[in-house]
């Protein structure tokens, strides 16, 4: 076991939670003179590691766990290839309506979009589909390739990246899921292997915290 390397702001958040908990994110932001959005990565790390308990509409409380209960080295050495999941995939030639149906049937919030060669073309999320459904578009006729986030803007990881690196990308880009791909081939194409998500990483945090 090793001690978690907390930033000065994360240490201050714990102090405030100990002294004033339960304390809301808005109140924490006021104490620290930052925006609530700026605190999200810190709060996510502290709650996923078990140092803070979060309750909706109540706030954050200090869990009482010590800083050395968590095996951070395991998180640093665990590779994405050890934990990634099977992706929910859709062709870029399918319609946006097909994407909605697939998302519902697969019970996911993000679909990986592939081209006719099964290479990564983009991703489509619930928010992408909701945004486009509010207009006058006929979603049964609009290709998913029109409403997706295109490859140039897609955040992804490779199997040899660490889970810690993946978590940092998810937090910094404020996304819940991203593709896991093979390194680019000679033509720069990306083959999709799976996905990694906040849910997967949270489950790993719980397993580590419980010593499993």
N, C-alpha and C. Protein backbone atom coordinates (compact mmCIF):
# COMPACT_ATOMS: atom_id res chain seq x y z
N UNK A 1 0.83 -1.19 0.00
CA UNK A 1 0.00 0.00 0.00
C UNK A 1 0.88 1.25 0.00
N UNK A 2 0.40 2.29 -0.68
CA UNK A 2 1.11 3.56 -0.68
C UNK A 2 0.12 4.67 -0.42
N UNK A 3 0.63 5.81 -0.01
CA UNK A 3 -0.25 6.94 0.27
C UNK A 3 -0.69 7.60 -1.04
N UNK A 4 -1.96 7.96 -1.12
CA UNK A 4 -2.45 8.68 -2.29
C UNK A 4 -1.78 10.05 -2.35
N UNK A 5 -1.33 10.43 -3.53
CA UNK A 5 -0.70 11.73 -3.72
C UNK A 5 -1.78 12.75 -4.06
N UNK A 6 -2.30 13.40 -3.03
CA UNK A 6 -3.36 14.38 -3.23
C UNK A 6 -2.77 15.74 -3.56
N UNK A 7 -3.49 16.49 -4.38
CA UNK A 7 -3.09 17.87 -4.66
C UNK A 7 -3.47 18.75 -3.47
N UNK A 8 -2.87 19.94 -3.37
CA UNK A 8 -3.24 20.85 -2.28
C UNK A 8 -4.74 21.14 -2.23
N UNK A 9 -5.37 21.27 -3.41
CA UNK A 9 -6.81 21.56 -3.43
C UNK A 9 -7.62 20.37 -2.94
N UNK A 10 -7.20 19.16 -3.30
CA UNK A 10 -7.90 17.97 -2.82
C UNK A 10 -7.77 17.82 -1.31
N UNK A 11 -6.61 18.15 -0.77
CA UNK A 11 -6.43 18.12 0.69
C UNK A 11 -7.35 19.13 1.36
N UNK A 12 -7.48 20.31 0.75
CA UNK A 12 -8.36 21.34 1.31
C UNK A 12 -9.82 20.90 1.27
N UNK A 13 -10.21 20.21 0.18
CA UNK A 13 -11.58 19.70 0.08
C UNK A 13 -11.86 18.73 1.21
N UNK A 14 -10.91 17.84 1.49
CA UNK A 14 -11.09 16.89 2.59
C UNK A 14 -11.22 17.61 3.93
N UNK A 15 -10.40 18.64 4.14
CA UNK A 15 -10.47 19.41 5.38
C UNK A 15 -11.84 20.07 5.54
N UNK A 16 -12.36 20.64 4.46
CA UNK A 16 -13.67 21.29 4.50
C UNK A 16 -14.78 20.27 4.76
N UNK A 17 -14.65 19.08 4.14
CA UNK A 17 -15.66 18.05 4.34
C UNK A 17 -15.64 17.54 5.78
N UNK A 18 -14.44 17.43 6.36
CA UNK A 18 -14.33 17.01 7.76
C UNK A 18 -14.98 18.04 8.68
N UNK A 19 -14.74 19.32 8.39
CA UNK A 19 -15.19 20.38 9.29
C UNK A 19 -16.65 20.75 9.10
N UNK A 20 -17.12 20.73 7.84
CA UNK A 20 -18.46 21.26 7.55
C UNK A 20 -19.42 20.22 6.96
N UNK A 21 -18.96 19.01 6.73
CA UNK A 21 -19.79 18.03 6.04
C UNK A 21 -21.09 17.70 6.76
N UNK A 22 -22.18 17.39 6.03
CA UNK A 22 -22.18 17.36 4.57
C UNK A 22 -22.11 18.77 3.97
N UNK A 23 -21.34 18.90 2.91
CA UNK A 23 -21.13 20.20 2.27
C UNK A 23 -21.34 20.03 0.77
N UNK A 24 -22.04 20.95 0.16
CA UNK A 24 -22.37 20.84 -1.26
C UNK A 24 -21.19 21.26 -2.13
N UNK A 25 -21.25 20.86 -3.38
CA UNK A 25 -20.22 21.26 -4.33
C UNK A 25 -20.17 22.76 -4.52
N UNK A 26 -21.34 23.39 -4.49
CA UNK A 26 -21.38 24.85 -4.64
C UNK A 26 -20.68 25.54 -3.48
N UNK A 27 -20.91 25.05 -2.27
CA UNK A 27 -20.28 25.64 -1.10
C UNK A 27 -18.77 25.42 -1.12
N UNK A 28 -18.36 24.23 -1.52
CA UNK A 28 -16.92 23.97 -1.65
C UNK A 28 -16.28 24.92 -2.65
N UNK A 29 -16.96 25.14 -3.77
CA UNK A 29 -16.43 26.04 -4.80
C UNK A 29 -16.29 27.46 -4.25
N UNK A 30 -17.26 27.90 -3.44
CA UNK A 30 -17.19 29.23 -2.85
C UNK A 30 -16.00 29.34 -1.90
N UNK A 31 -15.80 28.33 -1.06
CA UNK A 31 -14.68 28.33 -0.11
C UNK A 31 -13.34 28.39 -0.84
N UNK A 32 -13.26 27.73 -1.98
CA UNK A 32 -11.99 27.62 -2.69
C UNK A 32 -11.83 28.65 -3.79
N UNK A 33 -12.87 29.49 -3.97
CA UNK A 33 -12.85 30.56 -4.98
C UNK A 33 -12.60 30.02 -6.39
N UNK A 34 -13.28 28.93 -6.71
CA UNK A 34 -13.22 28.37 -8.06
C UNK A 34 -14.64 28.04 -8.51
N UNK A 35 -14.77 27.67 -9.77
CA UNK A 35 -16.09 27.27 -10.26
C UNK A 35 -16.38 25.82 -9.89
N UNK A 36 -17.65 25.47 -9.91
CA UNK A 36 -18.03 24.08 -9.62
C UNK A 36 -17.43 23.15 -10.67
N UNK A 37 -17.39 23.62 -11.93
CA UNK A 37 -16.83 22.79 -13.00
C UNK A 37 -15.36 22.48 -12.75
N UNK A 38 -14.63 23.45 -12.20
CA UNK A 38 -13.20 23.24 -11.94
C UNK A 38 -12.99 22.19 -10.86
N UNK A 39 -13.98 22.01 -9.99
CA UNK A 39 -13.85 21.04 -8.89
C UNK A 39 -14.22 19.62 -9.29
N UNK A 40 -14.91 19.46 -10.40
CA UNK A 40 -15.43 18.13 -10.75
C UNK A 40 -14.35 17.05 -10.78
N UNK A 41 -13.18 17.27 -11.44
CA UNK A 41 -12.17 16.21 -11.43
C UNK A 41 -11.70 15.85 -10.02
N UNK A 42 -11.51 16.86 -9.16
CA UNK A 42 -11.07 16.59 -7.79
C UNK A 42 -12.11 15.80 -7.02
N UNK A 43 -13.37 16.19 -7.14
CA UNK A 43 -14.44 15.50 -6.42
C UNK A 43 -14.61 14.07 -6.94
N UNK A 44 -14.43 13.89 -8.25
CA UNK A 44 -14.54 12.54 -8.81
C UNK A 44 -13.45 11.63 -8.26
N UNK A 45 -12.23 12.12 -8.19
CA UNK A 45 -11.13 11.31 -7.67
C UNK A 45 -11.35 10.98 -6.21
N UNK A 46 -11.77 11.96 -5.42
CA UNK A 46 -11.96 11.74 -3.98
C UNK A 46 -13.12 10.80 -3.68
N UNK A 47 -14.18 10.88 -4.50
CA UNK A 47 -15.32 9.98 -4.26
C UNK A 47 -15.03 8.58 -4.78
N UNK A 48 -14.38 8.47 -5.95
CA UNK A 48 -14.07 7.15 -6.50
C UNK A 48 -13.07 6.41 -5.63
N UNK A 49 -12.17 7.16 -4.98
CA UNK A 49 -11.18 6.51 -4.11
C UNK A 49 -11.75 6.20 -2.74
N UNK A 50 -12.96 6.68 -2.46
CA UNK A 50 -13.61 6.36 -1.19
C UNK A 50 -13.30 7.31 -0.06
N UNK A 51 -12.54 8.37 -0.32
CA UNK A 51 -12.21 9.33 0.73
C UNK A 51 -13.38 10.25 1.04
N UNK A 52 -14.24 10.49 0.05
CA UNK A 52 -15.45 11.27 0.24
C UNK A 52 -16.67 10.41 -0.07
N UNK A 53 -17.73 10.60 0.70
CA UNK A 53 -19.02 10.00 0.38
C UNK A 53 -19.90 11.09 -0.21
N UNK A 54 -20.59 10.79 -1.29
CA UNK A 54 -21.45 11.78 -1.95
C UNK A 54 -22.90 11.31 -1.92
N UNK A 55 -23.78 12.22 -1.51
CA UNK A 55 -25.21 11.91 -1.49
C UNK A 55 -25.95 13.00 -2.25
N UNK A 56 -26.76 12.62 -3.25
CA UNK A 56 -27.50 13.60 -4.04
C UNK A 56 -28.36 14.50 -3.15
N UNK A 57 -28.32 15.79 -3.44
CA UNK A 57 -29.10 16.82 -2.75
C UNK A 57 -28.71 16.97 -1.28
N UNK A 58 -27.68 16.29 -0.84
CA UNK A 58 -27.19 16.43 0.53
C UNK A 58 -25.79 17.03 0.54
N UNK A 59 -24.87 16.39 -0.19
CA UNK A 59 -23.53 16.92 -0.28
C UNK A 59 -22.47 15.88 -0.01
N UNK A 60 -21.28 16.35 0.26
CA UNK A 60 -20.12 15.48 0.45
C UNK A 60 -19.75 15.41 1.93
N UNK A 61 -19.41 14.20 2.37
CA UNK A 61 -18.94 14.00 3.74
C UNK A 61 -17.64 13.21 3.70
N UNK A 62 -16.80 13.44 4.70
CA UNK A 62 -15.55 12.71 4.80
C UNK A 62 -15.85 11.28 5.25
N UNK A 63 -15.29 10.29 4.56
CA UNK A 63 -15.61 8.90 4.84
C UNK A 63 -14.93 8.36 6.09
N UNK A 64 -13.88 9.05 6.53
CA UNK A 64 -13.15 8.58 7.69
C UNK A 64 -12.01 7.65 7.36
N UNK A 65 -11.87 7.31 6.07
CA UNK A 65 -10.78 6.43 5.68
C UNK A 65 -9.47 7.20 5.62
N UNK A 66 -8.38 6.53 5.96
CA UNK A 66 -7.07 7.17 5.95
C UNK A 66 -6.52 7.21 4.53
N UNK A 67 -5.54 8.05 4.31
CA UNK A 67 -4.98 8.23 2.98
C UNK A 67 -4.13 7.04 2.51
N UNK A 68 -3.78 6.14 3.42
CA UNK A 68 -2.91 5.04 2.99
C UNK A 68 -3.66 3.73 2.81
N UNK A 69 -5.01 3.82 2.74
CA UNK A 69 -5.78 2.57 2.59
C UNK A 69 -5.81 2.11 1.14
N UNK A 70 -5.41 2.96 0.22
CA UNK A 70 -5.68 2.73 -1.19
C UNK A 70 -4.40 2.37 -1.94
N UNK A 71 -4.43 1.27 -2.67
CA UNK A 71 -3.27 0.80 -3.40
C UNK A 71 -3.15 1.54 -4.73
N UNK A 72 -2.58 2.75 -4.68
CA UNK A 72 -2.46 3.56 -5.88
C UNK A 72 -1.54 2.92 -6.92
N UNK A 73 -0.56 2.15 -6.46
CA UNK A 73 0.35 1.52 -7.40
C UNK A 73 -0.37 0.53 -8.31
N UNK A 74 -1.39 -0.13 -7.78
CA UNK A 74 -2.15 -1.04 -8.63
C UNK A 74 -2.86 -0.28 -9.73
N UNK A 75 -3.39 0.90 -9.40
CA UNK A 75 -4.06 1.71 -10.40
C UNK A 75 -3.08 2.18 -11.46
N UNK A 76 -1.86 2.49 -11.04
CA UNK A 76 -0.85 2.97 -11.98
C UNK A 76 -0.36 1.87 -12.91
N UNK A 77 -0.38 0.62 -12.46
CA UNK A 77 0.16 -0.45 -13.29
C UNK A 77 -0.92 -1.23 -14.05
N UNK A 78 -2.19 -1.06 -13.69
CA UNK A 78 -3.26 -1.77 -14.41
C UNK A 78 -3.43 -1.19 -15.81
N UNK A 79 -3.39 -2.05 -16.80
CA UNK A 79 -3.52 -1.61 -18.19
C UNK A 79 -4.99 -1.62 -18.63
N UNK A 80 -5.29 -0.76 -19.58
CA UNK A 80 -6.64 -0.69 -20.14
C UNK A 80 -7.07 -2.05 -20.69
N UNK A 81 -6.12 -2.79 -21.28
CA UNK A 81 -6.46 -4.10 -21.86
C UNK A 81 -7.00 -5.09 -20.84
N UNK A 82 -6.73 -4.85 -19.54
CA UNK A 82 -7.19 -5.76 -18.50
C UNK A 82 -8.63 -5.51 -18.08
N UNK A 83 -9.18 -4.35 -18.44
CA UNK A 83 -10.50 -4.00 -17.91
C UNK A 83 -11.52 -3.54 -18.95
N UNK A 84 -11.08 -3.30 -20.20
CA UNK A 84 -12.03 -2.71 -21.14
C UNK A 84 -13.18 -3.66 -21.47
N UNK A 85 -14.29 -3.08 -21.94
CA UNK A 85 -15.51 -3.85 -22.22
C UNK A 85 -15.77 -3.94 -23.72
N UNK A 86 -16.66 -4.85 -24.09
CA UNK A 86 -17.09 -4.99 -25.48
C UNK A 86 -17.86 -3.73 -25.88
N UNK A 87 -17.55 -3.13 -27.01
CA UNK A 87 -18.24 -1.89 -27.39
C UNK A 87 -19.61 -2.13 -28.02
N UNK A 88 -20.48 -1.16 -27.87
CA UNK A 88 -21.73 -1.13 -28.62
C UNK A 88 -21.44 -0.35 -29.90
N UNK A 89 -21.58 -0.99 -31.04
CA UNK A 89 -21.10 -0.44 -32.31
C UNK A 89 -22.26 -0.23 -33.28
N UNK A 90 -22.11 0.81 -34.11
CA UNK A 90 -23.08 1.06 -35.17
C UNK A 90 -22.33 1.58 -36.40
N UNK A 91 -22.83 1.25 -37.58
CA UNK A 91 -22.21 1.71 -38.83
C UNK A 91 -22.56 3.17 -39.08
N UNK A 92 -21.64 3.91 -39.69
CA UNK A 92 -21.91 5.32 -39.99
C UNK A 92 -22.95 5.47 -41.09
N UNK A 93 -23.33 4.38 -41.74
CA UNK A 93 -24.36 4.43 -42.77
C UNK A 93 -25.76 4.21 -42.21
N UNK A 94 -25.85 3.77 -40.96
CA UNK A 94 -27.15 3.60 -40.32
C UNK A 94 -27.74 4.97 -39.99
N UNK A 95 -29.03 4.98 -39.70
CA UNK A 95 -29.70 6.26 -39.42
C UNK A 95 -29.56 6.63 -37.94
N UNK A 96 -29.82 7.91 -37.67
CA UNK A 96 -29.80 8.38 -36.28
C UNK A 96 -30.87 7.65 -35.47
N UNK A 97 -32.00 7.32 -36.12
CA UNK A 97 -33.04 6.56 -35.43
C UNK A 97 -32.52 5.17 -35.06
N UNK A 98 -31.78 4.54 -35.97
CA UNK A 98 -31.17 3.24 -35.66
C UNK A 98 -30.25 3.35 -34.45
N UNK A 99 -29.54 4.47 -34.35
CA UNK A 99 -28.64 4.69 -33.21
C UNK A 99 -29.43 4.76 -31.90
N UNK A 100 -30.57 5.43 -31.93
CA UNK A 100 -31.41 5.53 -30.73
C UNK A 100 -31.88 4.14 -30.30
N UNK A 101 -32.33 3.35 -31.27
CA UNK A 101 -32.81 1.99 -30.97
C UNK A 101 -31.67 1.14 -30.42
N UNK A 102 -30.50 1.21 -31.05
CA UNK A 102 -29.35 0.43 -30.60
C UNK A 102 -28.93 0.83 -29.19
N UNK A 103 -28.94 2.11 -28.94
CA UNK A 103 -28.56 2.62 -27.62
C UNK A 103 -29.52 2.08 -26.55
N UNK A 104 -30.80 2.05 -26.88
CA UNK A 104 -31.81 1.55 -25.95
C UNK A 104 -31.63 0.05 -25.72
N UNK A 105 -31.44 -0.71 -26.80
CA UNK A 105 -31.32 -2.16 -26.68
C UNK A 105 -30.05 -2.56 -25.95
N UNK A 106 -28.97 -1.82 -26.17
CA UNK A 106 -27.68 -2.13 -25.52
C UNK A 106 -27.56 -1.51 -24.13
N UNK A 107 -28.49 -0.63 -23.79
CA UNK A 107 -28.49 0.06 -22.49
C UNK A 107 -27.16 0.78 -22.25
N UNK A 108 -26.78 1.61 -23.22
CA UNK A 108 -25.55 2.39 -23.13
C UNK A 108 -25.84 3.84 -23.46
N UNK A 109 -24.92 4.71 -23.10
CA UNK A 109 -25.07 6.13 -23.40
C UNK A 109 -24.19 6.59 -24.55
N UNK A 110 -23.30 5.71 -25.01
CA UNK A 110 -22.38 6.04 -26.10
C UNK A 110 -22.25 4.86 -27.05
N UNK A 111 -22.32 5.14 -28.35
CA UNK A 111 -22.09 4.13 -29.38
C UNK A 111 -20.81 4.47 -30.13
N UNK A 112 -20.03 3.44 -30.42
CA UNK A 112 -18.86 3.61 -31.27
C UNK A 112 -19.32 3.48 -32.73
N UNK A 113 -18.97 4.45 -33.56
CA UNK A 113 -19.38 4.45 -34.96
C UNK A 113 -18.20 4.00 -35.82
N UNK A 114 -18.44 3.03 -36.70
CA UNK A 114 -17.39 2.50 -37.56
C UNK A 114 -17.77 2.68 -39.03
N UNK A 115 -16.75 2.72 -39.89
CA UNK A 115 -17.01 2.83 -41.32
C UNK A 115 -17.18 1.45 -41.94
N UNK A 116 -17.24 1.39 -43.28
CA UNK A 116 -17.51 0.11 -43.95
C UNK A 116 -16.36 -0.88 -43.81
N UNK A 117 -15.19 -0.39 -43.38
CA UNK A 117 -14.05 -1.28 -43.13
C UNK A 117 -13.89 -1.62 -41.65
N UNK A 118 -14.90 -1.24 -40.87
CA UNK A 118 -14.90 -1.48 -39.42
C UNK A 118 -13.83 -0.68 -38.68
N UNK A 119 -13.39 0.42 -39.28
CA UNK A 119 -12.45 1.31 -38.60
C UNK A 119 -13.23 2.41 -37.87
N UNK A 120 -12.63 2.94 -36.82
CA UNK A 120 -13.28 3.98 -36.04
C UNK A 120 -13.58 5.20 -36.90
N UNK A 121 -14.85 5.62 -36.88
CA UNK A 121 -15.26 6.81 -37.64
C UNK A 121 -15.69 7.94 -36.71
N UNK A 122 -16.12 7.59 -35.49
CA UNK A 122 -16.58 8.60 -34.55
C UNK A 122 -17.31 7.95 -33.40
N UNK A 123 -17.96 8.76 -32.60
CA UNK A 123 -18.82 8.26 -31.52
C UNK A 123 -20.10 9.08 -31.52
N UNK A 124 -21.17 8.48 -31.05
CA UNK A 124 -22.43 9.19 -30.92
C UNK A 124 -22.96 8.95 -29.52
N UNK A 125 -23.39 10.02 -28.85
CA UNK A 125 -23.85 9.94 -27.47
C UNK A 125 -25.33 10.31 -27.38
N UNK A 126 -25.88 10.08 -26.19
CA UNK A 126 -27.28 10.46 -25.96
C UNK A 126 -27.48 11.95 -26.23
N UNK A 127 -26.52 12.77 -25.79
CA UNK A 127 -26.67 14.22 -25.96
C UNK A 127 -26.63 14.60 -27.44
N UNK A 128 -25.80 13.90 -28.25
CA UNK A 128 -25.77 14.16 -29.69
C UNK A 128 -27.15 13.91 -30.30
N UNK A 129 -27.75 12.78 -29.92
CA UNK A 129 -29.05 12.41 -30.49
C UNK A 129 -30.16 13.32 -29.97
N UNK A 130 -30.09 13.68 -28.69
CA UNK A 130 -31.11 14.57 -28.13
C UNK A 130 -31.05 15.93 -28.80
N UNK A 131 -29.85 16.45 -28.98
CA UNK A 131 -29.69 17.76 -29.60
C UNK A 131 -30.28 17.78 -31.00
N UNK A 132 -30.05 16.73 -31.76
CA UNK A 132 -30.56 16.69 -33.13
C UNK A 132 -32.04 16.34 -33.20
N UNK A 133 -32.57 15.70 -32.17
CA UNK A 133 -33.99 15.37 -32.18
C UNK A 133 -34.86 16.59 -31.90
N UNK A 134 -34.25 17.66 -31.38
CA UNK A 134 -35.02 18.87 -31.05
C UNK A 134 -35.29 19.75 -32.26
N UNK A 135 -34.64 19.44 -33.39
CA UNK A 135 -34.88 20.19 -34.61
C UNK A 135 -35.97 19.55 -35.44
N UNK A 136 -35.95 19.86 -36.71
CA UNK A 136 -36.96 19.31 -37.62
C UNK A 136 -36.41 18.17 -38.47
N UNK A 137 -35.29 17.61 -38.04
CA UNK A 137 -34.68 16.52 -38.80
C UNK A 137 -35.52 15.25 -38.72
N UNK A 138 -35.57 14.54 -39.83
CA UNK A 138 -36.20 13.22 -39.84
C UNK A 138 -35.11 12.22 -39.47
N UNK A 139 -35.10 11.77 -38.23
CA UNK A 139 -34.01 10.93 -37.74
C UNK A 139 -33.94 9.57 -38.42
N UNK A 140 -35.02 9.17 -39.08
CA UNK A 140 -34.99 7.90 -39.80
C UNK A 140 -34.26 8.03 -41.13
N UNK A 141 -34.05 9.27 -41.57
CA UNK A 141 -33.38 9.50 -42.85
C UNK A 141 -31.98 10.07 -42.70
N UNK A 142 -31.68 10.64 -41.53
CA UNK A 142 -30.37 11.26 -41.32
C UNK A 142 -29.35 10.19 -40.92
N UNK A 143 -28.24 10.06 -41.67
CA UNK A 143 -27.21 9.08 -41.30
C UNK A 143 -26.58 9.43 -39.95
N UNK A 144 -26.23 8.42 -39.20
CA UNK A 144 -25.62 8.66 -37.91
C UNK A 144 -24.30 9.42 -38.07
N UNK A 145 -23.67 9.26 -39.24
CA UNK A 145 -22.43 9.99 -39.50
C UNK A 145 -22.59 11.49 -39.50
N UNK A 146 -23.83 11.97 -39.68
CA UNK A 146 -24.08 13.41 -39.70
C UNK A 146 -24.17 13.97 -38.28
N UNK A 147 -24.64 13.18 -37.32
CA UNK A 147 -24.87 13.69 -35.97
C UNK A 147 -23.78 13.27 -34.98
N UNK A 148 -22.88 12.38 -35.40
CA UNK A 148 -21.85 11.88 -34.47
C UNK A 148 -20.74 12.90 -34.26
N UNK A 149 -19.93 12.65 -33.23
CA UNK A 149 -18.67 13.36 -33.05
C UNK A 149 -17.65 12.69 -33.96
N UNK A 150 -17.06 13.45 -34.86
CA UNK A 150 -16.19 12.85 -35.87
C UNK A 150 -14.83 12.47 -35.31
N UNK A 151 -14.14 11.60 -36.04
CA UNK A 151 -12.90 11.00 -35.58
C UNK A 151 -11.88 12.03 -35.10
N UNK A 152 -11.76 13.14 -35.81
CA UNK A 152 -10.75 14.14 -35.44
C UNK A 152 -10.95 14.67 -34.03
N UNK A 153 -12.18 14.60 -33.52
CA UNK A 153 -12.48 15.12 -32.19
C UNK A 153 -12.69 14.02 -31.15
N UNK A 154 -12.53 12.76 -31.55
CA UNK A 154 -12.76 11.65 -30.63
C UNK A 154 -11.55 11.43 -29.73
N UNK A 155 -11.81 11.27 -28.44
CA UNK A 155 -10.77 10.96 -27.46
C UNK A 155 -10.75 9.44 -27.30
N UNK A 156 -9.56 8.84 -27.36
CA UNK A 156 -9.47 7.39 -27.25
C UNK A 156 -8.19 6.99 -26.53
N UNK A 157 -8.10 5.71 -26.18
CA UNK A 157 -6.90 5.17 -25.55
C UNK A 157 -6.52 3.88 -26.25
N UNK A 158 -5.30 3.39 -25.98
CA UNK A 158 -4.85 2.12 -26.51
C UNK A 158 -4.81 1.10 -25.38
N UNK A 159 -4.73 -0.17 -25.69
CA UNK A 159 -4.73 -1.20 -24.64
C UNK A 159 -3.57 -1.08 -23.66
N UNK A 160 -2.45 -0.51 -24.10
CA UNK A 160 -1.28 -0.42 -23.24
C UNK A 160 -1.25 0.84 -22.39
N UNK A 161 -2.20 1.74 -22.57
CA UNK A 161 -2.33 2.88 -21.66
C UNK A 161 -2.76 2.35 -20.29
N UNK A 162 -2.45 3.08 -19.24
CA UNK A 162 -2.88 2.66 -17.91
C UNK A 162 -4.30 3.15 -17.64
N UNK A 163 -4.94 2.52 -16.68
CA UNK A 163 -6.28 2.95 -16.27
C UNK A 163 -6.22 4.38 -15.72
N UNK A 164 -5.13 4.71 -15.04
CA UNK A 164 -4.99 6.07 -14.51
C UNK A 164 -4.95 7.09 -15.65
N UNK A 165 -4.24 6.78 -16.73
CA UNK A 165 -4.21 7.67 -17.89
C UNK A 165 -5.60 7.80 -18.50
N UNK A 166 -6.32 6.69 -18.58
CA UNK A 166 -7.68 6.71 -19.12
C UNK A 166 -8.59 7.57 -18.25
N UNK A 167 -8.48 7.43 -16.93
CA UNK A 167 -9.31 8.21 -16.01
C UNK A 167 -9.06 9.69 -16.18
N UNK A 168 -7.80 10.06 -16.34
CA UNK A 168 -7.47 11.47 -16.53
C UNK A 168 -8.09 12.02 -17.81
N UNK A 169 -8.09 11.22 -18.88
CA UNK A 169 -8.70 11.67 -20.14
C UNK A 169 -10.21 11.84 -19.98
N UNK A 170 -10.86 10.87 -19.34
CA UNK A 170 -12.31 10.97 -19.14
C UNK A 170 -12.67 12.22 -18.36
N UNK A 171 -11.90 12.49 -17.31
CA UNK A 171 -12.19 13.64 -16.46
C UNK A 171 -11.89 14.96 -17.17
N UNK A 172 -10.74 15.03 -17.83
CA UNK A 172 -10.34 16.31 -18.44
C UNK A 172 -11.23 16.67 -19.63
N UNK A 173 -11.77 15.66 -20.32
CA UNK A 173 -12.63 15.93 -21.47
C UNK A 173 -14.12 15.86 -21.11
N UNK A 174 -14.41 15.55 -19.84
CA UNK A 174 -15.79 15.50 -19.34
C UNK A 174 -16.67 14.56 -20.17
N UNK A 175 -16.16 13.36 -20.38
CA UNK A 175 -16.90 12.34 -21.11
C UNK A 175 -17.03 11.10 -20.22
N UNK A 176 -17.99 10.25 -20.53
CA UNK A 176 -18.23 9.08 -19.70
C UNK A 176 -17.64 7.80 -20.28
N UNK A 177 -17.43 7.77 -21.60
CA UNK A 177 -16.97 6.56 -22.27
C UNK A 177 -16.08 6.94 -23.44
N UNK A 178 -15.05 6.13 -23.70
CA UNK A 178 -14.23 6.36 -24.90
C UNK A 178 -13.75 5.04 -25.48
N UNK A 179 -13.48 5.03 -26.79
CA UNK A 179 -13.05 3.80 -27.45
C UNK A 179 -11.63 3.39 -27.03
N UNK A 180 -11.41 2.09 -27.06
CA UNK A 180 -10.07 1.52 -26.93
C UNK A 180 -9.69 1.00 -28.31
N UNK A 181 -8.56 1.46 -28.84
CA UNK A 181 -8.19 1.13 -30.22
C UNK A 181 -6.76 0.61 -30.30
N UNK A 182 -6.48 -0.12 -31.36
CA UNK A 182 -5.10 -0.48 -31.68
C UNK A 182 -4.37 0.77 -32.15
N UNK A 183 -3.05 0.83 -31.98
CA UNK A 183 -2.31 1.96 -32.54
C UNK A 183 -2.61 2.09 -34.03
N UNK A 184 -2.56 3.31 -34.59
CA UNK A 184 -2.90 3.52 -36.00
C UNK A 184 -2.06 2.63 -36.92
N UNK A 185 -2.70 2.12 -37.99
CA UNK A 185 -1.96 1.33 -38.97
C UNK A 185 -1.22 2.27 -39.92
N UNK A 186 -0.64 1.72 -40.98
CA UNK A 186 0.16 2.51 -41.90
C UNK A 186 -0.63 3.63 -42.56
N UNK A 187 -1.93 3.44 -42.67
CA UNK A 187 -2.79 4.46 -43.29
C UNK A 187 -3.46 5.36 -42.26
N UNK A 188 -3.09 5.18 -40.99
CA UNK A 188 -3.67 6.02 -39.94
C UNK A 188 -5.04 5.57 -39.48
N UNK A 189 -5.47 4.37 -39.89
CA UNK A 189 -6.78 3.87 -39.50
C UNK A 189 -6.71 3.24 -38.10
N UNK A 190 -7.83 3.32 -37.38
CA UNK A 190 -7.89 2.82 -36.02
C UNK A 190 -8.89 1.67 -35.91
N UNK A 191 -8.42 0.53 -35.45
CA UNK A 191 -9.29 -0.63 -35.25
C UNK A 191 -9.81 -0.62 -33.81
N UNK A 192 -11.12 -0.71 -33.67
CA UNK A 192 -11.75 -0.66 -32.35
C UNK A 192 -11.67 -2.02 -31.67
N UNK A 193 -11.21 -2.00 -30.42
CA UNK A 193 -11.13 -3.22 -29.62
C UNK A 193 -12.18 -3.27 -28.53
N UNK A 194 -12.54 -2.10 -28.00
CA UNK A 194 -13.49 -2.06 -26.89
C UNK A 194 -13.76 -0.64 -26.45
N UNK A 195 -14.27 -0.51 -25.25
CA UNK A 195 -14.50 0.80 -24.65
C UNK A 195 -14.09 0.76 -23.19
N UNK A 196 -13.75 1.92 -22.66
CA UNK A 196 -13.53 2.06 -21.23
C UNK A 196 -14.37 3.24 -20.76
N UNK A 197 -14.93 3.11 -19.55
CA UNK A 197 -15.90 4.10 -19.08
C UNK A 197 -15.67 4.45 -17.62
N UNK A 198 -16.34 5.51 -17.20
CA UNK A 198 -16.30 5.89 -15.79
C UNK A 198 -16.81 4.75 -14.92
N UNK A 199 -17.82 4.02 -15.40
CA UNK A 199 -18.38 2.90 -14.62
C UNK A 199 -17.34 1.82 -14.39
N UNK A 200 -16.59 1.48 -15.44
CA UNK A 200 -15.55 0.45 -15.33
C UNK A 200 -14.48 0.88 -14.34
N UNK A 201 -14.05 2.14 -14.44
CA UNK A 201 -12.99 2.63 -13.57
C UNK A 201 -13.48 2.74 -12.13
N UNK A 202 -14.72 3.15 -11.95
CA UNK A 202 -15.27 3.22 -10.59
C UNK A 202 -15.31 1.83 -9.96
N UNK A 203 -15.69 0.82 -10.75
CA UNK A 203 -15.71 -0.55 -10.24
C UNK A 203 -14.31 -0.99 -9.81
N UNK A 204 -13.29 -0.61 -10.59
CA UNK A 204 -11.91 -0.95 -10.23
C UNK A 204 -11.50 -0.23 -8.95
N UNK A 205 -11.90 1.03 -8.80
CA UNK A 205 -11.62 1.77 -7.56
C UNK A 205 -12.21 1.03 -6.36
N UNK A 206 -13.44 0.57 -6.51
CA UNK A 206 -14.11 -0.13 -5.39
C UNK A 206 -13.36 -1.42 -5.07
N UNK A 207 -12.98 -2.19 -6.09
CA UNK A 207 -12.26 -3.44 -5.86
C UNK A 207 -10.93 -3.19 -5.14
N UNK A 208 -10.21 -2.15 -5.57
CA UNK A 208 -8.94 -1.83 -4.93
C UNK A 208 -9.15 -1.38 -3.50
N UNK A 209 -10.19 -0.53 -3.32
CA UNK A 209 -10.47 -0.03 -1.97
C UNK A 209 -10.87 -1.11 -1.01
N UNK A 210 -11.51 -2.17 -1.52
CA UNK A 210 -11.92 -3.29 -0.67
C UNK A 210 -10.86 -4.37 -0.58
N UNK A 211 -9.70 -4.11 -1.21
CA UNK A 211 -8.61 -5.06 -1.12
C UNK A 211 -8.76 -6.30 -1.97
N UNK A 212 -9.59 -6.22 -3.02
CA UNK A 212 -9.83 -7.40 -3.86
C UNK A 212 -8.90 -7.39 -5.07
